[in-house]
Amino acid sequence: MSGHSKWSTIKHKKARLDAKRGKNWSKLARAVTMAAKGGGNPDDNPTLRLAIDKAKADNMPKDTIEKAIKKGTGELEGETYEEVVYEGYGPNGVAVMAKALTDNRNRTAPEVKKLFERSGGNLGTPNSVAWMFTQKGIFAISAESVGEDKVMEIALENGADDVSSSAMVHEVTCEPAAYLDLKAALEAAEIPIESSDVTNVAANTIELASVDDAKKVLRLVEALEDHDDVESVSANFDIPDDIMSQLD
């Protein structure tokens, strides 16, 4: 069981209590705008379809989404953003990747570097950790809400590569191209999805064997995700269930 989806579950629960919805909507709108540069029709642009799906999942108003699309296609004026991936190491040697959409990399880079350093980690050079990760669709499903057999049956019949389960969560992984169809199949089967995304997943993980170690890594991940320009964060940590149960 990779720690990634456990962290995705934490993020999902945190997001439901997050009072900074306006900040989150701003990031989602930026992602929609960037994706729309590849074409404004989500039926022909899977990246845009995924960005819209995330925005809708966060209850972003339809007119806000449409405005963001028009900025991307050039129908409306808007800021110019570029995607930058920052790579480095956090506490306990955990590899971390932070994908940002920024209109000023000269501002964003030193701010992200400072976040790594405050955690006891360090910002690395391009591809210093990216080689450890592969892009995958990933779903976290509460083990309390549905049994492993049902999840496995639906997932494997609809393009999933793997299903693994723990006492807390079922993790379903797939190739990015299968993500949207698999998500639709899980929803049609009324399987409640705690969180889902197309993101970078590590082939090997580092186990965080104490509450203190886990808190240090999670503080860095949270600090990066709270940065205005950071869209997503991936890391190769694993938190065992007994440690996970002690985290608030």
Protein backbone atom coordinates (compact mmCIF):
# COMPACT_ATOMS: atom_id res chain seq x y z
CA MET A 1 0.00 0.00 0.00
CA SER A 2 1.62 3.24 -1.03
CA GLY A 3 1.53 6.16 1.36
CA HIS A 4 0.48 8.39 -1.50
CA SER A 5 -3.18 7.49 -1.48
CA LYS A 6 -3.30 7.62 2.31
CA TRP A 7 -2.05 11.18 2.04
CA SER A 8 -4.62 11.81 -0.69
CA THR A 9 -7.29 10.74 1.78
CA ILE A 10 -5.93 13.15 4.39
CA LYS A 11 -5.95 15.94 1.80
CA HIS A 12 -9.51 15.13 0.85
CA LYS A 13 -10.73 15.36 4.45
CA LYS A 14 -8.68 18.49 5.03
CA ALA A 15 -10.15 20.08 1.91
CA ARG A 16 -13.69 19.55 3.15
CA LEU A 17 -12.84 21.60 6.22
CA ASP A 18 -10.71 24.14 4.37
CA ALA A 19 -11.96 27.69 4.75
CA LYS A 20 -9.69 28.89 1.93
CA ARG A 21 -12.06 27.82 -0.85
CA GLY A 22 -11.40 31.01 -2.80
CA LYS A 23 -7.70 30.22 -2.88
CA ASN A 24 -8.37 26.67 -4.03
CA TRP A 25 -10.74 27.88 -6.76
CA SER A 26 -8.05 30.25 -7.98
CA LYS A 27 -5.63 27.33 -8.41
CA LEU A 28 -8.25 25.19 -10.14
CA ALA A 29 -9.19 28.02 -12.50
CA ARG A 30 -5.53 28.50 -13.36
CA ALA A 31 -5.25 24.79 -14.18
CA VAL A 32 -8.34 24.98 -16.42
CA THR A 33 -6.87 27.99 -18.24
CA MET A 34 -3.55 26.22 -18.81
CA ALA A 35 -5.29 23.07 -20.05
CA ALA A 36 -7.52 25.07 -22.41
CA LYS A 37 -4.44 26.28 -24.28
CA GLY A 38 -4.51 22.83 -25.87
CA GLY A 39 -8.08 23.39 -27.09
CA GLY A 40 -11.30 24.55 -25.49
CA ASN A 41 -13.39 21.43 -26.13
CA PRO A 42 -13.03 18.93 -23.24
CA ASP A 43 -14.22 16.09 -25.50
CA ASP A 44 -11.09 16.58 -27.62
CA ASN A 45 -8.77 17.64 -24.78
CA PRO A 46 -8.48 15.04 -21.95
CA THR A 47 -6.27 17.37 -19.89
CA LEU A 48 -8.97 20.03 -19.95
CA ARG A 49 -11.64 17.44 -19.16
CA LEU A 50 -9.69 16.38 -16.08
CA ALA A 51 -9.15 19.99 -14.97
CA ILE A 52 -12.88 20.72 -15.33
CA ASP A 53 -13.71 17.52 -13.44
CA LYS A 54 -11.55 18.66 -10.51
CA ALA A 55 -13.11 22.13 -10.56
CA LYS A 56 -16.63 20.69 -10.54
CA ALA A 57 -15.71 18.33 -7.70
CA ASP A 58 -14.81 21.41 -5.66
CA ASN A 59 -18.16 23.03 -6.52
CA MET A 60 -16.65 25.76 -8.67
CA PRO A 61 -19.44 27.75 -10.41
CA LYS A 62 -20.04 26.93 -14.06
CA ASP A 63 -19.50 30.53 -15.21
CA THR A 64 -16.10 30.62 -13.44
CA ILE A 65 -15.04 27.47 -15.27
CA GLU A 66 -16.24 28.86 -18.62
CA LYS A 67 -14.38 32.11 -18.02
CA ALA A 68 -11.17 30.20 -17.25
CA ILE A 69 -11.55 28.21 -20.48
CA LYS A 70 -11.98 31.39 -22.51
CA LYS A 71 -8.82 32.84 -20.97
CA GLY A 72 -6.94 29.74 -22.09
CA THR A 73 -8.29 29.85 -25.65
CA GLY A 74 -7.59 33.57 -25.92
CA GLU A 75 -11.23 34.67 -26.08
CA LEU A 76 -10.65 36.67 -22.88
CA GLU A 77 -7.54 38.45 -21.66
CA GLY A 78 -5.70 36.78 -18.82
CA GLU A 79 -2.35 36.27 -17.14
CA THR A 80 0.33 34.16 -18.80
CA TYR A 81 1.37 31.13 -16.75
CA GLU A 82 4.04 28.52 -17.22
CA GLU A 83 4.32 25.09 -15.62
CA VAL A 84 7.42 24.50 -13.50
CA VAL A 85 8.24 21.32 -11.56
CA TYR A 86 10.38 21.71 -8.43
CA GLU A 87 12.17 18.61 -7.16
CA GLY A 88 13.98 17.95 -3.93
CA TYR A 89 14.31 15.98 -0.73
CA GLY A 90 12.42 16.45 2.51
CA PRO A 91 12.96 15.01 6.01
CA ASN A 92 14.06 11.35 6.18
CA GLY A 93 15.28 11.53 2.58
CA VAL A 94 11.74 11.58 1.17
CA ALA A 95 11.68 12.55 -2.52
CA VAL A 96 9.27 15.41 -3.28
CA MET A 97 7.96 16.90 -6.53
CA ALA A 98 5.90 20.10 -6.56
CA LYS A 99 4.19 21.16 -9.80
CA ALA A 100 3.55 24.89 -9.99
CA LEU A 101 1.75 27.22 -12.39
CA THR A 102 3.45 30.58 -12.10
CA ASP A 103 3.49 33.95 -13.83
CA ASN A 104 6.90 34.73 -12.31
CA ARG A 105 9.34 31.87 -11.74
CA ASN A 106 11.88 34.34 -10.30
CA ARG A 107 9.45 34.83 -7.40
CA THR A 108 8.24 31.25 -7.04
CA ALA A 109 11.59 29.41 -7.11
CA PRO A 110 13.16 31.08 -4.03
CA GLU A 111 9.90 30.77 -2.10
CA VAL A 112 9.69 27.03 -2.78
CA LYS A 113 13.40 26.65 -1.97
CA LYS A 114 12.79 28.30 1.42
CA LEU A 115 9.94 25.88 2.20
CA PHE A 116 12.23 22.90 1.55
CA GLU A 117 15.00 24.38 3.70
CA ARG A 118 12.67 25.20 6.61
CA SER A 119 11.66 21.54 6.72
CA GLY A 120 15.27 20.37 6.92
CA GLY A 121 15.26 19.35 3.27
CA ASN A 122 16.73 20.83 0.13
CA LEU A 123 15.61 21.81 -3.37
CA GLY A 124 17.33 19.73 -6.04
CA THR A 125 18.09 20.08 -9.74
CA PRO A 126 15.73 19.04 -12.56
CA ASN A 127 15.31 15.23 -12.72
CA SER A 128 16.99 14.75 -9.34
CA VAL A 129 13.92 12.82 -8.17
CA ALA A 130 11.56 12.76 -11.19
CA TRP A 131 13.07 9.47 -12.38
CA MET A 132 11.57 7.77 -9.32
CA PHE A 133 7.99 8.59 -10.34
CA THR A 134 5.52 7.44 -13.00
CA GLN A 135 2.29 9.24 -13.83
CA LYS A 136 -0.75 7.21 -12.80
CA GLY A 137 -4.44 7.64 -12.16
CA ILE A 138 -5.04 6.92 -8.49
CA PHE A 139 -8.22 6.49 -6.45
CA ALA A 140 -8.59 6.25 -2.68
CA ILE A 141 -11.74 4.49 -1.45
CA SER A 142 -12.61 4.09 2.21
CA ALA A 143 -12.37 0.45 3.29
CA GLU A 144 -15.29 1.06 5.67
CA SER A 145 -17.66 2.01 2.84
CA VAL A 146 -17.20 -0.93 0.45
CA GLY A 147 -15.54 -4.35 0.37
CA GLU A 148 -12.34 -5.16 -1.48
CA ASP A 149 -14.02 -7.74 -3.76
CA LYS A 150 -16.52 -5.23 -5.19
CA VAL A 151 -13.84 -2.59 -5.73
CA MET A 152 -11.57 -5.12 -7.44
CA GLU A 153 -14.32 -6.43 -9.71
CA ILE A 154 -15.39 -3.01 -10.98
CA ALA A 155 -11.86 -1.62 -11.19
CA LEU A 156 -10.23 -4.47 -13.08
CA GLU A 157 -13.13 -4.67 -15.54
CA ASN A 158 -12.71 -0.97 -16.35
CA GLY A 159 -9.03 -0.44 -17.01
CA ALA A 160 -7.38 -0.51 -13.57
CA ASP A 161 -3.81 -1.82 -13.37
CA ASP A 162 -3.91 -2.73 -9.69
CA VAL A 163 -6.01 -2.73 -6.53
CA SER A 164 -4.41 -2.93 -3.10
CA SER A 165 -6.13 -2.67 0.27
CA SER A 166 -5.36 -1.91 3.89
CA ALA A 167 -7.56 -1.63 6.95
CA MET A 168 -8.22 2.02 6.07
CA VAL A 169 -8.36 2.38 2.32
CA HIS A 170 -8.52 0.63 -1.05
CA GLU A 171 -6.07 2.08 -3.56
CA VAL A 172 -6.85 1.70 -7.26
CA THR A 173 -4.27 2.65 -9.88
CA CYS A 174 -4.55 2.92 -13.67
CA GLU A 175 -2.86 4.45 -16.69
CA PRO A 176 -3.73 8.16 -17.15
CA ALA A 177 -5.66 7.38 -20.36
CA ALA A 178 -8.02 5.07 -18.41
CA TYR A 179 -8.65 7.49 -15.54
CA LEU A 180 -11.86 9.21 -16.64
CA ASP A 181 -13.59 6.01 -17.80
CA LEU A 182 -12.60 4.19 -14.60
CA LYS A 183 -13.86 7.07 -12.47
CA ALA A 184 -17.19 6.99 -14.29
CA ALA A 185 -17.46 3.22 -13.76
CA LEU A 186 -16.76 3.50 -10.01
CA GLU A 187 -19.35 6.25 -9.69
CA ALA A 188 -21.91 4.26 -11.70
CA ALA A 189 -21.39 1.35 -9.31
CA GLU A 190 -22.06 3.77 -6.40
CA ILE A 191 -18.59 3.23 -4.95
CA PRO A 192 -17.80 6.38 -2.93
CA ILE A 193 -14.43 7.82 -3.93
CA GLU A 194 -12.57 9.57 -1.11
CA SER A 195 -10.13 11.20 -3.51
CA SER A 196 -8.85 10.75 -7.05
CA ASP A 197 -6.30 12.32 -9.33
CA VAL A 198 -3.82 11.77 -12.13
CA THR A 199 -0.52 12.27 -10.40
CA ASN A 200 3.05 11.05 -9.98
CA VAL A 201 3.39 7.78 -8.06
CA ALA A 202 6.73 6.46 -6.79
CA ALA A 203 7.86 2.92 -7.59
CA ASN A 204 9.52 2.63 -4.17
CA THR A 205 8.58 4.32 -0.90
CA ILE A 206 10.28 5.32 2.33
CA GLU A 207 8.47 4.15 5.46
CA LEU A 208 7.99 6.79 8.14
CA ALA A 209 8.21 4.71 11.29
CA SER A 210 7.32 7.33 13.90
CA VAL A 211 4.66 9.97 14.43
CA ASP A 212 7.36 12.65 14.61
CA ASP A 213 8.86 11.63 11.25
CA ALA A 214 5.41 11.57 9.66
CA LYS A 215 4.52 15.01 11.01
CA LYS A 216 7.77 16.52 9.68
CA VAL A 217 7.14 15.24 6.15
CA LEU A 218 3.45 16.16 6.18
CA ARG A 219 4.31 19.70 7.33
CA LEU A 220 6.52 20.14 4.26
CA VAL A 221 3.87 18.72 1.91
CA GLU A 222 1.17 20.93 3.45
CA ALA A 223 3.39 24.02 3.26
CA LEU A 224 4.07 23.39 -0.42
CA GLU A 225 0.40 22.77 -1.18
CA ASP A 226 -0.58 25.97 0.61
CA HIS A 227 1.72 28.02 -1.65
CA ASP A 228 -0.33 30.11 -4.07
CA ASP A 229 1.50 28.84 -7.16
CA VAL A 230 1.77 25.13 -6.32
CA GLU A 231 -0.86 23.01 -8.05
CA SER A 232 0.09 19.53 -6.79
CA VAL A 233 2.67 17.72 -4.68
CA SER A 234 3.92 14.13 -4.99
CA ALA A 235 6.20 12.32 -2.55
CA ASN A 236 7.48 8.78 -1.99
CA PHE A 237 6.69 8.32 1.70
CA ASP A 238 4.68 5.51 3.25
CA ILE A 239 2.91 5.87 6.60
CA PRO A 240 2.00 2.56 8.29
CA ASP A 241 -1.59 2.24 9.52
CA ASP A 242 -0.59 2.30 13.21
CA ILE A 243 1.24 5.61 12.75
CA MET A 244 -1.55 6.94 10.55
CA SER A 245 -4.12 6.31 13.28
CA GLN A 246 -2.15 8.55 15.66
CA LEU A 247 -2.11 11.52 13.30
CA ASP A 248 -4.78 14.18 13.69
